[in-house]
Amino acid sequence: DTASTQKITKRVDYEETLTFDRSWVVDGIEPPGYQLTAVICHHGDSANGGHYNAAVRYNADWYMYDDALVRQMELREVMNHQFTAYILLYRCDEKVSIRP
């Protein structure tokens, strides 16, 4: 049935750091680096329901926010959410100049 919503269950590979290829940025500008700051995860088999939680970096430490439960976690655990990652948030390492 193509009219119904379906959850995509493919693996999402991501890294702690992200740098865009030079061909993606304005000529003469070195692409800045980005650091992973949060992974929003969706648990459940349906796109219409399930449960969300988030692994969030606070300074150098990582925390899992899951409803009223907050616990510290290791980076290796953060990087092990390939099948539940829904949104990845990265922070730019440096000031970015936006030109028209």
N, C-alpha and C. Protein backbone atom coordinates (compact mmCIF):
# COMPACT_ATOMS: atom_id res chain seq x y z
N ASP A 1 0.85 -1.19 0.00
CA ASP A 1 0.00 0.00 0.00
C ASP A 1 0.89 1.24 0.00
N THR A 2 0.90 2.01 -1.07
CA THR A 2 1.78 3.17 -1.19
C THR A 2 1.18 4.43 -0.56
N ALA A 3 -0.08 4.40 -0.18
CA ALA A 3 -0.71 5.59 0.40
C ALA A 3 -0.47 5.71 1.90
N SER A 4 0.00 4.66 2.54
CA SER A 4 0.21 4.70 3.99
C SER A 4 1.64 5.11 4.31
N THR A 5 1.83 5.61 5.52
CA THR A 5 3.17 5.98 5.95
C THR A 5 3.90 4.75 6.44
N GLN A 6 5.19 4.71 6.19
CA GLN A 6 6.03 3.60 6.64
C GLN A 6 7.32 4.14 7.22
N LYS A 7 7.78 3.53 8.27
CA LYS A 7 9.06 3.91 8.84
C LYS A 7 10.17 3.29 8.01
N ILE A 8 11.16 4.10 7.68
CA ILE A 8 12.34 3.60 6.98
C ILE A 8 13.28 3.04 8.04
N THR A 9 13.67 1.81 7.88
CA THR A 9 14.47 1.14 8.93
C THR A 9 15.91 0.90 8.49
N LYS A 10 16.40 1.71 7.57
CA LYS A 10 17.78 1.55 7.11
C LYS A 10 18.77 2.11 8.12
N ARG A 11 19.93 1.54 8.12
CA ARG A 11 21.03 1.98 8.98
C ARG A 11 21.51 3.37 8.53
N VAL A 12 21.77 4.24 9.50
CA VAL A 12 22.30 5.58 9.24
C VAL A 12 23.70 5.64 9.84
N ASP A 13 24.71 5.72 8.99
CA ASP A 13 26.07 5.83 9.48
C ASP A 13 26.41 7.30 9.70
N TYR A 14 26.99 7.62 10.83
CA TYR A 14 27.39 8.99 11.14
C TYR A 14 28.65 8.95 11.98
N GLU A 15 29.33 10.09 12.00
CA GLU A 15 30.57 10.19 12.74
C GLU A 15 30.49 11.33 13.73
N GLU A 16 31.46 11.36 14.65
CA GLU A 16 31.48 12.43 15.66
C GLU A 16 31.83 13.77 15.04
N THR A 17 32.61 13.76 13.97
CA THR A 17 32.96 15.00 13.28
C THR A 17 32.45 14.95 11.84
N LEU A 18 32.21 16.13 11.30
CA LEU A 18 31.68 16.24 9.94
C LEU A 18 32.38 17.41 9.27
N THR A 19 32.90 17.19 8.07
CA THR A 19 33.49 18.26 7.27
C THR A 19 32.96 18.11 5.85
N PHE A 20 32.45 19.21 5.30
CA PHE A 20 31.94 19.19 3.94
C PHE A 20 33.08 19.20 2.94
N ASP A 21 32.86 18.58 1.82
CA ASP A 21 33.83 18.58 0.73
C ASP A 21 34.00 20.02 0.22
N ARG A 22 35.21 20.38 -0.19
CA ARG A 22 35.48 21.75 -0.67
C ARG A 22 34.57 22.15 -1.83
N SER A 23 34.13 21.20 -2.64
CA SER A 23 33.28 21.54 -3.79
C SER A 23 31.88 21.99 -3.36
N TRP A 24 31.54 21.81 -2.09
CA TRP A 24 30.22 22.20 -1.60
C TRP A 24 30.19 23.62 -1.05
N VAL A 25 31.35 24.26 -0.89
CA VAL A 25 31.40 25.60 -0.29
C VAL A 25 31.91 26.61 -1.30
N VAL A 26 31.79 27.89 -0.96
CA VAL A 26 32.22 28.98 -1.83
C VAL A 26 33.72 28.86 -2.09
N ASP A 27 34.12 29.13 -3.34
CA ASP A 27 35.53 29.06 -3.69
C ASP A 27 36.38 29.93 -2.77
N GLY A 28 37.52 29.40 -2.36
CA GLY A 28 38.45 30.14 -1.53
C GLY A 28 38.16 30.06 -0.04
N ILE A 29 37.10 29.39 0.34
CA ILE A 29 36.76 29.27 1.76
C ILE A 29 37.02 27.84 2.20
N GLU A 30 37.74 27.72 3.28
CA GLU A 30 38.00 26.40 3.86
C GLU A 30 36.74 25.93 4.58
N PRO A 31 36.24 24.73 4.27
CA PRO A 31 35.02 24.28 4.95
C PRO A 31 35.29 24.09 6.44
N PRO A 32 34.42 24.64 7.28
CA PRO A 32 34.61 24.47 8.73
C PRO A 32 34.28 23.04 9.15
N GLY A 33 34.75 22.66 10.31
CA GLY A 33 34.42 21.36 10.87
C GLY A 33 33.19 21.47 11.76
N TYR A 34 32.52 20.38 11.94
CA TYR A 34 31.33 20.32 12.78
C TYR A 34 31.47 19.17 13.76
N GLN A 35 30.95 19.35 14.97
CA GLN A 35 30.98 18.33 16.02
C GLN A 35 29.56 17.86 16.31
N LEU A 36 29.38 16.57 16.39
CA LEU A 36 28.09 16.00 16.74
C LEU A 36 27.71 16.48 18.14
N THR A 37 26.50 17.04 18.27
CA THR A 37 26.06 17.55 19.58
C THR A 37 24.80 16.85 20.08
N ALA A 38 24.06 16.19 19.20
CA ALA A 38 22.87 15.47 19.65
C ALA A 38 22.44 14.46 18.60
N VAL A 39 21.87 13.37 19.10
CA VAL A 39 21.26 12.35 18.24
C VAL A 39 19.86 12.12 18.78
N ILE A 40 18.86 12.49 17.99
CA ILE A 40 17.46 12.24 18.36
C ILE A 40 17.11 10.87 17.79
N CYS A 41 16.57 10.02 18.63
CA CYS A 41 16.28 8.63 18.21
C CYS A 41 14.78 8.34 18.27
N HIS A 42 14.33 7.52 17.34
CA HIS A 42 12.95 7.04 17.33
C HIS A 42 12.96 5.54 17.50
N HIS A 43 12.21 5.06 18.47
CA HIS A 43 12.10 3.63 18.74
C HIS A 43 10.67 3.19 18.45
N GLY A 44 10.55 2.14 17.70
CA GLY A 44 9.23 1.62 17.34
C GLY A 44 9.20 1.23 15.88
N ASP A 45 8.24 0.41 15.53
CA ASP A 45 8.15 -0.11 14.16
C ASP A 45 7.32 0.75 13.24
N SER A 46 6.60 1.72 13.76
CA SER A 46 5.66 2.49 12.97
C SER A 46 6.07 3.95 12.86
N ALA A 47 5.81 4.56 11.71
CA ALA A 47 6.02 6.00 11.55
C ALA A 47 4.93 6.79 12.26
N ASN A 48 3.86 6.12 12.64
CA ASN A 48 2.73 6.79 13.29
C ASN A 48 2.77 6.73 14.81
N GLY A 49 3.78 6.11 15.36
CA GLY A 49 3.88 6.01 16.81
C GLY A 49 5.25 5.54 17.21
N GLY A 50 5.46 5.39 18.48
CA GLY A 50 6.75 4.95 18.98
C GLY A 50 7.21 5.84 20.11
N HIS A 51 8.49 5.85 20.35
CA HIS A 51 9.06 6.58 21.48
C HIS A 51 10.31 7.30 21.01
N TYR A 52 10.52 8.52 21.50
CA TYR A 52 11.71 9.31 21.18
C TYR A 52 12.56 9.49 22.42
N ASN A 53 13.87 9.50 22.21
CA ASN A 53 14.80 9.93 23.25
C ASN A 53 15.96 10.63 22.56
N ALA A 54 16.87 11.20 23.34
CA ALA A 54 17.96 11.98 22.74
C ALA A 54 19.25 11.80 23.52
N ALA A 55 20.33 11.59 22.78
CA ALA A 55 21.68 11.64 23.33
C ALA A 55 22.21 13.03 23.05
N VAL A 56 22.61 13.76 24.10
CA VAL A 56 22.99 15.17 23.94
C VAL A 56 24.35 15.41 24.61
N ARG A 57 25.22 16.14 23.89
CA ARG A 57 26.52 16.49 24.44
C ARG A 57 26.37 17.76 25.28
N TYR A 58 26.94 17.72 26.48
CA TYR A 58 27.02 18.90 27.34
C TYR A 58 28.50 19.06 27.68
N ASN A 59 29.13 20.08 27.10
CA ASN A 59 30.59 20.25 27.17
C ASN A 59 31.24 18.99 26.60
N ALA A 60 32.01 18.26 27.37
CA ALA A 60 32.68 17.06 26.85
C ALA A 60 31.92 15.77 27.18
N ASP A 61 30.83 15.88 27.93
CA ASP A 61 30.09 14.70 28.38
C ASP A 61 28.82 14.50 27.57
N TRP A 62 28.39 13.25 27.50
CA TRP A 62 27.16 12.88 26.80
C TRP A 62 26.12 12.40 27.81
N TYR A 63 24.85 12.76 27.54
CA TYR A 63 23.74 12.37 28.40
C TYR A 63 22.59 11.84 27.55
N MET A 64 21.91 10.82 28.07
CA MET A 64 20.70 10.29 27.44
C MET A 64 19.51 10.87 28.16
N TYR A 65 18.64 11.53 27.39
CA TYR A 65 17.39 12.09 27.92
C TYR A 65 16.26 11.20 27.42
N ASP A 66 15.60 10.54 28.35
CA ASP A 66 14.55 9.59 28.00
C ASP A 66 13.39 9.80 28.97
N ASP A 67 12.44 10.63 28.56
CA ASP A 67 11.34 11.05 29.43
C ASP A 67 11.93 11.69 30.69
N ALA A 68 11.58 11.21 31.86
CA ALA A 68 12.07 11.80 33.11
C ALA A 68 13.45 11.27 33.50
N LEU A 69 13.97 10.29 32.78
CA LEU A 69 15.27 9.70 33.10
C LEU A 69 16.38 10.41 32.33
N VAL A 70 17.41 10.85 33.05
CA VAL A 70 18.61 11.42 32.44
C VAL A 70 19.79 10.68 33.02
N ARG A 71 20.64 10.16 32.14
CA ARG A 71 21.82 9.43 32.61
C ARG A 71 23.01 9.76 31.72
N GLN A 72 24.18 9.72 32.32
CA GLN A 72 25.40 9.95 31.55
C GLN A 72 25.69 8.72 30.70
N MET A 73 26.29 8.95 29.53
CA MET A 73 26.62 7.84 28.64
C MET A 73 27.98 8.08 28.00
N GLU A 74 28.54 7.03 27.44
CA GLU A 74 29.84 7.09 26.77
C GLU A 74 29.64 7.37 25.28
N LEU A 75 30.66 7.95 24.65
CA LEU A 75 30.60 8.25 23.22
C LEU A 75 30.32 7.00 22.40
N ARG A 76 30.91 5.87 22.76
CA ARG A 76 30.70 4.63 21.99
C ARG A 76 29.22 4.26 21.96
N GLU A 77 28.50 4.54 23.03
CA GLU A 77 27.06 4.26 23.08
C GLU A 77 26.30 5.23 22.17
N VAL A 78 26.74 6.50 22.16
CA VAL A 78 26.12 7.50 21.28
C VAL A 78 26.25 7.07 19.82
N MET A 79 27.41 6.57 19.47
CA MET A 79 27.69 6.19 18.08
C MET A 79 27.05 4.86 17.70
N ASN A 80 26.35 4.22 18.62
CA ASN A 80 25.74 2.92 18.38
C ASN A 80 24.23 3.00 18.15
N HIS A 81 23.76 4.12 17.64
CA HIS A 81 22.31 4.30 17.39
C HIS A 81 22.01 4.36 15.89
N GLN A 82 22.75 3.61 15.09
CA GLN A 82 22.58 3.66 13.64
C GLN A 82 21.18 3.29 13.16
N PHE A 83 20.49 2.43 13.89
CA PHE A 83 19.16 2.00 13.45
C PHE A 83 18.03 2.80 14.07
N THR A 84 18.32 3.64 15.06
CA THR A 84 17.27 4.45 15.68
C THR A 84 17.48 5.95 15.47
N ALA A 85 18.63 6.36 14.92
CA ALA A 85 18.90 7.79 14.70
C ALA A 85 17.85 8.38 13.76
N TYR A 86 17.26 9.48 14.17
CA TYR A 86 16.20 10.14 13.41
C TYR A 86 16.66 11.53 12.96
N ILE A 87 17.29 12.27 13.87
CA ILE A 87 17.84 13.59 13.56
C ILE A 87 19.23 13.67 14.18
N LEU A 88 20.20 14.12 13.39
CA LEU A 88 21.56 14.35 13.88
C LEU A 88 21.79 15.85 13.92
N LEU A 89 22.29 16.36 15.04
CA LEU A 89 22.57 17.78 15.17
C LEU A 89 24.07 17.97 15.33
N TYR A 90 24.64 18.85 14.50
CA TYR A 90 26.06 19.16 14.53
C TYR A 90 26.25 20.64 14.83
N ARG A 91 27.32 20.98 15.55
CA ARG A 91 27.67 22.36 15.88
C ARG A 91 28.93 22.72 15.11
N CYS A 92 28.92 23.91 14.52
CA CYS A 92 30.08 24.38 13.78
C CYS A 92 31.21 24.73 14.75
N ASP A 93 32.43 24.33 14.40
CA ASP A 93 33.60 24.57 15.25
C ASP A 93 34.04 26.03 15.26
N GLU A 94 33.67 26.78 14.24
CA GLU A 94 34.13 28.16 14.14
C GLU A 94 33.02 29.06 13.62
N LYS A 95 33.28 30.35 13.69
CA LYS A 95 32.31 31.32 13.19
C LYS A 95 32.20 31.18 11.68
N VAL A 96 30.98 31.16 11.17
CA VAL A 96 30.76 31.02 9.74
C VAL A 96 30.21 32.33 9.21
N SER A 97 30.85 32.83 8.17
CA SER A 97 30.39 34.05 7.51
C SER A 97 29.41 33.67 6.40
N ILE A 98 28.21 34.19 6.49
CA ILE A 98 27.20 33.90 5.46
C ILE A 98 27.14 35.10 4.52
N ARG A 99 27.47 34.85 3.26
CA ARG A 99 27.46 35.91 2.26
C ARG A 99 26.38 35.63 1.23
N PRO A 100 25.78 36.71 0.69
CA PRO A 100 24.76 36.48 -0.35
C PRO A 100 25.37 35.95 -1.63
